[in-house]
Amino acid sequence: MNLAILLVILIVVLALIFTIVLAGKSDETYRNDTKRNTTNLTLIYIVVILLSFIAVGVYIRWFV
């Protein structure tokens, strides 16, 4: 169980890091045009991470 949780956390963190790194590698006009998209994607990651922690907490509280 702990291994699965660690793997999920690792995958989410790596996905976030790679998204930010790839968003930074572009020419200047592309970077300006996609700033809003990157912000939206980052907010989605934050919401998903928070919901995942809540789901794991609920699972542990009521099913383990």
PDB file of N, CA and C in Angstrom:
ATOM      1  N   MET A   1       0.821  -1.189   0.000  1.00  0.00           N
ATOM      2  CA  MET A   1       0.000   0.000   0.000  1.00  0.00           C
ATOM      3  C   MET A   1       0.869   1.258   0.000  1.00  0.00           C
ATOM      4  N   ASN A   2       1.885   1.272   0.861  1.00  0.00           N
ATOM      5  CA  ASN A   2       2.773   2.434   0.909  1.00  0.00           C
ATOM      6  C   ASN A   2       3.514   2.615  -0.404  1.00  0.00           C
ATOM      7  N   LEU A   3       3.894   1.505  -1.021  1.00  0.00           N
ATOM      8  CA  LEU A   3       4.593   1.581  -2.302  1.00  0.00           C
ATOM      9  C   LEU A   3       3.696   2.200  -3.366  1.00  0.00           C
ATOM     10  N   ALA A   4       2.434   1.817  -3.392  1.00  0.00           N
ATOM     11  CA  ALA A   4       1.501   2.363  -4.379  1.00  0.00           C
ATOM     12  C   ALA A   4       1.319   3.864  -4.184  1.00  0.00           C
ATOM     13  N   ILE A   5       1.191   4.291  -2.948  1.00  0.00           N
ATOM     14  CA  ILE A   5       1.026   5.719  -2.669  1.00  0.00           C
ATOM     15  C   ILE A   5       2.276   6.485  -3.088  1.00  0.00           C
ATOM     16  N   LEU A   6       3.434   5.941  -2.777  1.00  0.00           N
ATOM     17  CA  LEU A   6       4.680   6.599  -3.174  1.00  0.00           C
ATOM     18  C   LEU A   6       4.811   6.682  -4.689  1.00  0.00           C
ATOM     19  N   LEU A   7       4.411   5.629  -5.392  1.00  0.00           N
ATOM     20  CA  LEU A   7       4.482   5.648  -6.854  1.00  0.00           C
ATOM     21  C   LEU A   7       3.543   6.699  -7.437  1.00  0.00           C
ATOM     22  N   VAL A   8       2.342   6.811  -6.905  1.00  0.00           N
ATOM     23  CA  VAL A   8       1.396   7.818  -7.392  1.00  0.00           C
ATOM     24  C   VAL A   8       1.944   9.220  -7.154  1.00  0.00           C
ATOM     25  N   ILE A   9       2.466   9.460  -5.971  1.00  0.00           N
ATOM     26  CA  ILE A   9       3.036  10.777  -5.662  1.00  0.00           C
ATOM     27  C   ILE A   9       4.216  11.072  -6.578  1.00  0.00           C
ATOM     28  N   LEU A  10       5.070  10.093  -6.802  1.00  0.00           N
ATOM     29  CA  LEU A  10       6.225  10.270  -7.678  1.00  0.00           C
ATOM     30  C   LEU A  10       5.793  10.595  -9.104  1.00  0.00           C
ATOM     31  N   ILE A  11       4.805   9.892  -9.623  1.00  0.00           N
ATOM     32  CA  ILE A  11       4.329  10.129 -10.987  1.00  0.00           C
ATOM     33  C   ILE A  11       3.737  11.528 -11.117  1.00  0.00           C
ATOM     34  N   VAL A  12       2.957  11.950 -10.140  1.00  0.00           N
ATOM     35  CA  VAL A  12       2.350  13.283 -10.192  1.00  0.00           C
ATOM     36  C   VAL A  12       3.417  14.370 -10.147  1.00  0.00           C
ATOM     37  N   VAL A  13       4.386  14.213  -9.269  1.00  0.00           N
ATOM     38  CA  VAL A  13       5.453  15.214  -9.156  1.00  0.00           C
ATOM     39  C   VAL A  13       6.275  15.270 -10.441  1.00  0.00           C
ATOM     40  N   LEU A  14       6.619  14.112 -10.988  1.00  0.00           N
ATOM     41  CA  LEU A  14       7.384  14.092 -12.239  1.00  0.00           C
ATOM     42  C   LEU A  14       6.592  14.714 -13.384  1.00  0.00           C
ATOM     43  N   ALA A  15       5.302  14.431 -13.460  1.00  0.00           N
ATOM     44  CA  ALA A  15       4.473  15.021 -14.513  1.00  0.00           C
ATOM     45  C   ALA A  15       4.443  16.537 -14.387  1.00  0.00           C
ATOM     46  N   LEU A  16       4.333  17.029 -13.177  1.00  0.00           N
ATOM     47  CA  LEU A  16       4.326  18.474 -12.958  1.00  0.00           C
ATOM     48  C   LEU A  16       5.661  19.098 -13.347  1.00  0.00           C
ATOM     49  N   ILE A  17       6.746  18.472 -12.946  1.00  0.00           N
ATOM     50  CA  ILE A  17       8.080  18.990 -13.270  1.00  0.00           C
ATOM     51  C   ILE A  17       8.306  19.004 -14.778  1.00  0.00           C
ATOM     52  N   PHE A  18       7.980  17.893 -15.455  1.00  0.00           N
ATOM     53  CA  PHE A  18       8.190  17.835 -16.900  1.00  0.00           C
ATOM     54  C   PHE A  18       7.301  18.836 -17.629  1.00  0.00           C
ATOM     55  N   THR A  19       6.090  19.050 -17.153  1.00  0.00           N
ATOM     56  CA  THR A  19       5.207  20.035 -17.777  1.00  0.00           C
ATOM     57  C   THR A  19       5.807  21.429 -17.681  1.00  0.00           C
ATOM     58  N   ILE A  20       6.296  21.784 -16.513  1.00  0.00           N
ATOM     59  CA  ILE A  20       6.884  23.116 -16.328  1.00  0.00           C
ATOM     60  C   ILE A  20       8.166  23.265 -17.142  1.00  0.00           C
ATOM     61  N   VAL A  21       8.997  22.227 -17.170  1.00  0.00           N
ATOM     62  CA  VAL A  21      10.248  22.286 -17.932  1.00  0.00           C
ATOM     63  C   VAL A  21       9.960  22.424 -19.422  1.00  0.00           C
ATOM     64  N   LEU A  22       9.036  21.629 -19.936  1.00  0.00           N
ATOM     65  CA  LEU A  22       8.723  21.697 -21.359  1.00  0.00           C
ATOM     66  C   LEU A  22       8.046  23.011 -21.728  1.00  0.00           C
ATOM     67  N   ALA A  23       7.260  23.562 -20.837  1.00  0.00           N
ATOM     68  CA  ALA A  23       6.602  24.837 -21.119  1.00  0.00           C
ATOM     69  C   ALA A  23       7.618  25.972 -21.184  1.00  0.00           C
ATOM     70  N   GLY A  24       8.736  25.836 -20.500  1.00  0.00           N
ATOM     71  CA  GLY A  24       9.750  26.877 -20.504  1.00  0.00           C
ATOM     72  C   GLY A  24      10.659  26.837 -21.713  1.00  0.00           C
ATOM     73  N   LYS A  25      10.668  25.740 -22.451  1.00  0.00           N
ATOM     74  CA  LYS A  25      11.552  25.596 -23.609  1.00  0.00           C
ATOM     75  C   LYS A  25      10.802  25.952 -24.891  1.00  0.00           C
ATOM     76  N   SER A  26      10.809  27.229 -25.224  1.00  0.00           N
ATOM     77  CA  SER A  26      10.143  27.663 -26.443  1.00  0.00           C
ATOM     78  C   SER A  26      10.657  29.038 -26.833  1.00  0.00           C
ATOM     79  N   ASP A  27      10.264  29.480 -28.025  1.00  0.00           N
ATOM     80  CA  ASP A  27      10.635  30.828 -28.412  1.00  0.00           C
ATOM     81  C   ASP A  27       9.758  31.820 -27.645  1.00  0.00           C
ATOM     82  N   GLU A  28      10.123  33.088 -27.692  1.00  0.00           N
ATOM     83  CA  GLU A  28       9.487  34.088 -26.827  1.00  0.00           C
ATOM     84  C   GLU A  28       8.002  34.280 -27.132  1.00  0.00           C
ATOM     85  N   THR A  29       7.618  34.337 -28.395  1.00  0.00           N
ATOM     86  CA  THR A  29       6.198  34.565 -28.703  1.00  0.00           C
ATOM     87  C   THR A  29       5.354  33.364 -28.302  1.00  0.00           C
ATOM     88  N   TYR A  30       5.879  32.175 -28.509  1.00  0.00           N
ATOM     89  CA  TYR A  30       5.142  30.973 -28.108  1.00  0.00           C
ATOM     90  C   TYR A  30       4.982  30.949 -26.596  1.00  0.00           C
ATOM     91  N   ARG A  31       6.017  31.325 -25.904  1.00  0.00           N
ATOM     92  CA  ARG A  31       5.977  31.323 -24.433  1.00  0.00           C
ATOM     93  C   ARG A  31       4.922  32.307 -23.921  1.00  0.00           C
ATOM     94  N   ASN A  32       4.857  33.478 -24.517  1.00  0.00           N
ATOM     95  CA  ASN A  32       3.855  34.459 -24.101  1.00  0.00           C
ATOM     96  C   ASN A  32       2.442  33.979 -24.408  1.00  0.00           C
ATOM     97  N   ASP A  33       2.279  33.326 -25.551  1.00  0.00           N
ATOM     98  CA  ASP A  33       0.958  32.850 -25.949  1.00  0.00           C
ATOM     99  C   ASP A  33       0.469  31.696 -25.084  1.00  0.00           C
ATOM    100  N   THR A  34       1.370  30.911 -24.555  1.00  0.00           N
ATOM    101  CA  THR A  34       0.965  29.724 -23.808  1.00  0.00           C
ATOM    102  C   THR A  34       1.033  29.902 -22.294  1.00  0.00           C
ATOM    103  N   LYS A  35       1.312  31.105 -21.840  1.00  0.00           N
ATOM    104  CA  LYS A  35       1.409  31.327 -20.392  1.00  0.00           C
ATOM    105  C   LYS A  35       0.095  30.988 -19.696  1.00  0.00           C
ATOM    106  N   ARG A  36      -1.013  31.382 -20.281  1.00  0.00           N
ATOM    107  CA  ARG A  36      -2.321  31.084 -19.683  1.00  0.00           C
ATOM    108  C   ARG A  36      -2.570  29.578 -19.658  1.00  0.00           C
ATOM    109  N   ASN A  37      -2.216  28.876 -20.730  1.00  0.00           N
ATOM    110  CA  ASN A  37      -2.408  27.426 -20.762  1.00  0.00           C
ATOM    111  C   ASN A  37      -1.582  26.738 -19.680  1.00  0.00           C
ATOM    112  N   THR A  38      -0.366  27.185 -19.487  1.00  0.00           N
ATOM    113  CA  THR A  38       0.494  26.601 -18.454  1.00  0.00           C
ATOM    114  C   THR A  38      -0.081  26.865 -17.068  1.00  0.00           C
ATOM    115  N   THR A  39      -0.581  28.070 -16.858  1.00  0.00           N
ATOM    116  CA  THR A  39      -1.198  28.399 -15.575  1.00  0.00           C
ATOM    117  C   THR A  39      -2.411  27.512 -15.321  1.00  0.00           C
ATOM    118  N   ASN A  40      -3.251  27.349 -16.333  1.00  0.00           N
ATOM    119  CA  ASN A  40      -4.427  26.492 -16.181  1.00  0.00           C
ATOM    120  C   ASN A  40      -4.028  25.052 -15.885  1.00  0.00           C
ATOM    121  N   LEU A  41      -3.031  24.548 -16.575  1.00  0.00           N
ATOM    122  CA  LEU A  41      -2.585  23.175 -16.356  1.00  0.00           C
ATOM    123  C   LEU A  41      -2.010  23.007 -14.953  1.00  0.00           C
ATOM    124  N   THR A  42      -1.272  23.996 -14.486  1.00  0.00           N
ATOM    125  CA  THR A  42      -0.731  23.938 -13.128  1.00  0.00           C
ATOM    126  C   THR A  42      -1.854  23.928 -12.097  1.00  0.00           C
ATOM    127  N   LEU A  43      -2.870  24.742 -12.307  1.00  0.00           N
ATOM    128  CA  LEU A  43      -4.012  24.742 -11.396  1.00  0.00           C
ATOM    129  C   LEU A  43      -4.733  23.397 -11.404  1.00  0.00           C
ATOM    130  N   ILE A  44      -4.844  22.788 -12.570  1.00  0.00           N
ATOM    131  CA  ILE A  44      -5.456  21.463 -12.660  1.00  0.00           C
ATOM    132  C   ILE A  44      -4.646  20.460 -11.854  1.00  0.00           C
ATOM    133  N   TYR A  45      -3.323  20.503 -11.978  1.00  0.00           N
ATOM    134  CA  TYR A  45      -2.467  19.600 -11.193  1.00  0.00           C
ATOM    135  C   TYR A  45      -2.687  19.804  -9.696  1.00  0.00           C
ATOM    136  N   ILE A  46      -2.766  21.051  -9.261  1.00  0.00           N
ATOM    137  CA  ILE A  46      -2.959  21.331  -7.838  1.00  0.00           C
ATOM    138  C   ILE A  46      -4.280  20.746  -7.347  1.00  0.00           C
ATOM    139  N   VAL A  47      -5.344  20.955  -8.120  1.00  0.00           N
ATOM    140  CA  VAL A  47      -6.652  20.425  -7.733  1.00  0.00           C
ATOM    141  C   VAL A  47      -6.629  18.903  -7.697  1.00  0.00           C
ATOM    142  N   VAL A  48      -6.031  18.283  -8.707  1.00  0.00           N
ATOM    143  CA  VAL A  48      -5.976  16.822  -8.758  1.00  0.00           C
ATOM    144  C   VAL A  48      -5.161  16.265  -7.595  1.00  0.00           C
ATOM    145  N   ILE A  49      -4.056  16.909  -7.267  1.00  0.00           N
ATOM    146  CA  ILE A  49      -3.235  16.443  -6.140  1.00  0.00           C
ATOM    147  C   ILE A  49      -4.025  16.535  -4.838  1.00  0.00           C
ATOM    148  N   LEU A  50      -4.693  17.658  -4.612  1.00  0.00           N
ATOM    149  CA  LEU A  50      -5.482  17.809  -3.393  1.00  0.00           C
ATOM    150  C   LEU A  50      -6.599  16.774  -3.321  1.00  0.00           C
ATOM    151  N   LEU A  51      -7.310  16.574  -4.430  1.00  0.00           N
ATOM    152  CA  LEU A  51      -8.380  15.574  -4.443  1.00  0.00           C
ATOM    153  C   LEU A  51      -7.834  14.166  -4.237  1.00  0.00           C
ATOM    154  N   SER A  52      -6.651  13.898  -4.765  1.00  0.00           N
ATOM    155  CA  SER A  52      -6.032  12.585  -4.576  1.00  0.00           C
ATOM    156  C   SER A  52      -5.694  12.345  -3.116  1.00  0.00           C
ATOM    157  N   PHE A  53      -5.142  13.356  -2.452  1.00  0.00           N
ATOM    158  CA  PHE A  53      -4.844  13.219  -1.022  1.00  0.00           C
ATOM    159  C   PHE A  53      -6.119  13.000  -0.211  1.00  0.00           C
ATOM    160  N   ILE A  54      -7.172  13.721  -0.553  1.00  0.00           N
ATOM    161  CA  ILE A  54      -8.447  13.536   0.140  1.00  0.00           C
ATOM    162  C   ILE A  54      -8.971  12.123  -0.090  1.00  0.00           C
ATOM    163  N   ALA A  55      -8.896  11.642  -1.334  1.00  0.00           N
ATOM    164  CA  ALA A  55      -9.373  10.295  -1.647  1.00  0.00           C
ATOM    165  C   ALA A  55      -8.577   9.236  -0.901  1.00  0.00           C
ATOM    166  N   VAL A  56      -7.270   9.401  -0.823  1.00  0.00           N
ATOM    167  CA  VAL A  56      -6.440   8.443  -0.082  1.00  0.00           C
ATOM    168  C   VAL A  56      -6.797   8.485   1.401  1.00  0.00           C
ATOM    169  N   GLY A  57      -7.014   9.672   1.940  1.00  0.00           N
ATOM    170  CA  GLY A  57      -7.409   9.793   3.339  1.00  0.00           C
ATOM    171  C   GLY A  57      -8.740   9.121   3.621  1.00  0.00           C
ATOM    172  N   VAL A  58      -9.709   9.323   2.728  1.00  0.00           N
ATOM    173  CA  VAL A  58     -11.016   8.672   2.885  1.00  0.00           C
ATOM    174  C   VAL A  58     -10.864   7.166   2.792  1.00  0.00           C
ATOM    175  N   TYR A  59     -10.087   6.703   1.849  1.00  0.00           N
ATOM    176  CA  TYR A  59      -9.868   5.263   1.691  1.00  0.00           C
ATOM    177  C   TYR A  59      -9.241   4.662   2.949  1.00  0.00           C
ATOM    178  N   ILE A  60      -8.217   5.315   3.452  1.00  0.00           N
ATOM    179  CA  ILE A  60      -7.537   4.800   4.647  1.00  0.00           C
ATOM    180  C   ILE A  60      -8.479   4.845   5.855  1.00  0.00           C
ATOM    181  N   ARG A  61      -9.235   5.915   5.982  1.00  0.00           N
ATOM    182  CA  ARG A  61     -10.123   6.077   7.147  1.00  0.00           C
ATOM    183  C   ARG A  61     -11.239   5.040   7.166  1.00  0.00           C
ATOM    184  N   TRP A  62     -11.885   4.786   6.013  1.00  0.00           N
ATOM    185  CA  TRP A  62     -13.066   3.939   6.014  1.00  0.00           C
ATOM    186  C   TRP A  62     -12.865   2.530   5.468  1.00  0.00           C
ATOM    187  N   PHE A  63     -11.791   2.271   4.747  1.00  0.00           N
ATOM    188  CA  PHE A  63     -11.650   0.966   4.110  1.00  0.00           C
ATOM    189  C   PHE A  63     -10.437   0.172   4.563  1.00  0.00           C
ATOM    190  N   VAL A  64      -9.569   0.752   5.362  1.00  0.00           N
ATOM    191  CA  VAL A  64      -8.382   0.012   5.819  1.00  0.00           C
ATOM    192  C   VAL A  64      -8.489  -0.241   7.297  1.00  0.00           C
TER     193      VAL A  64
END
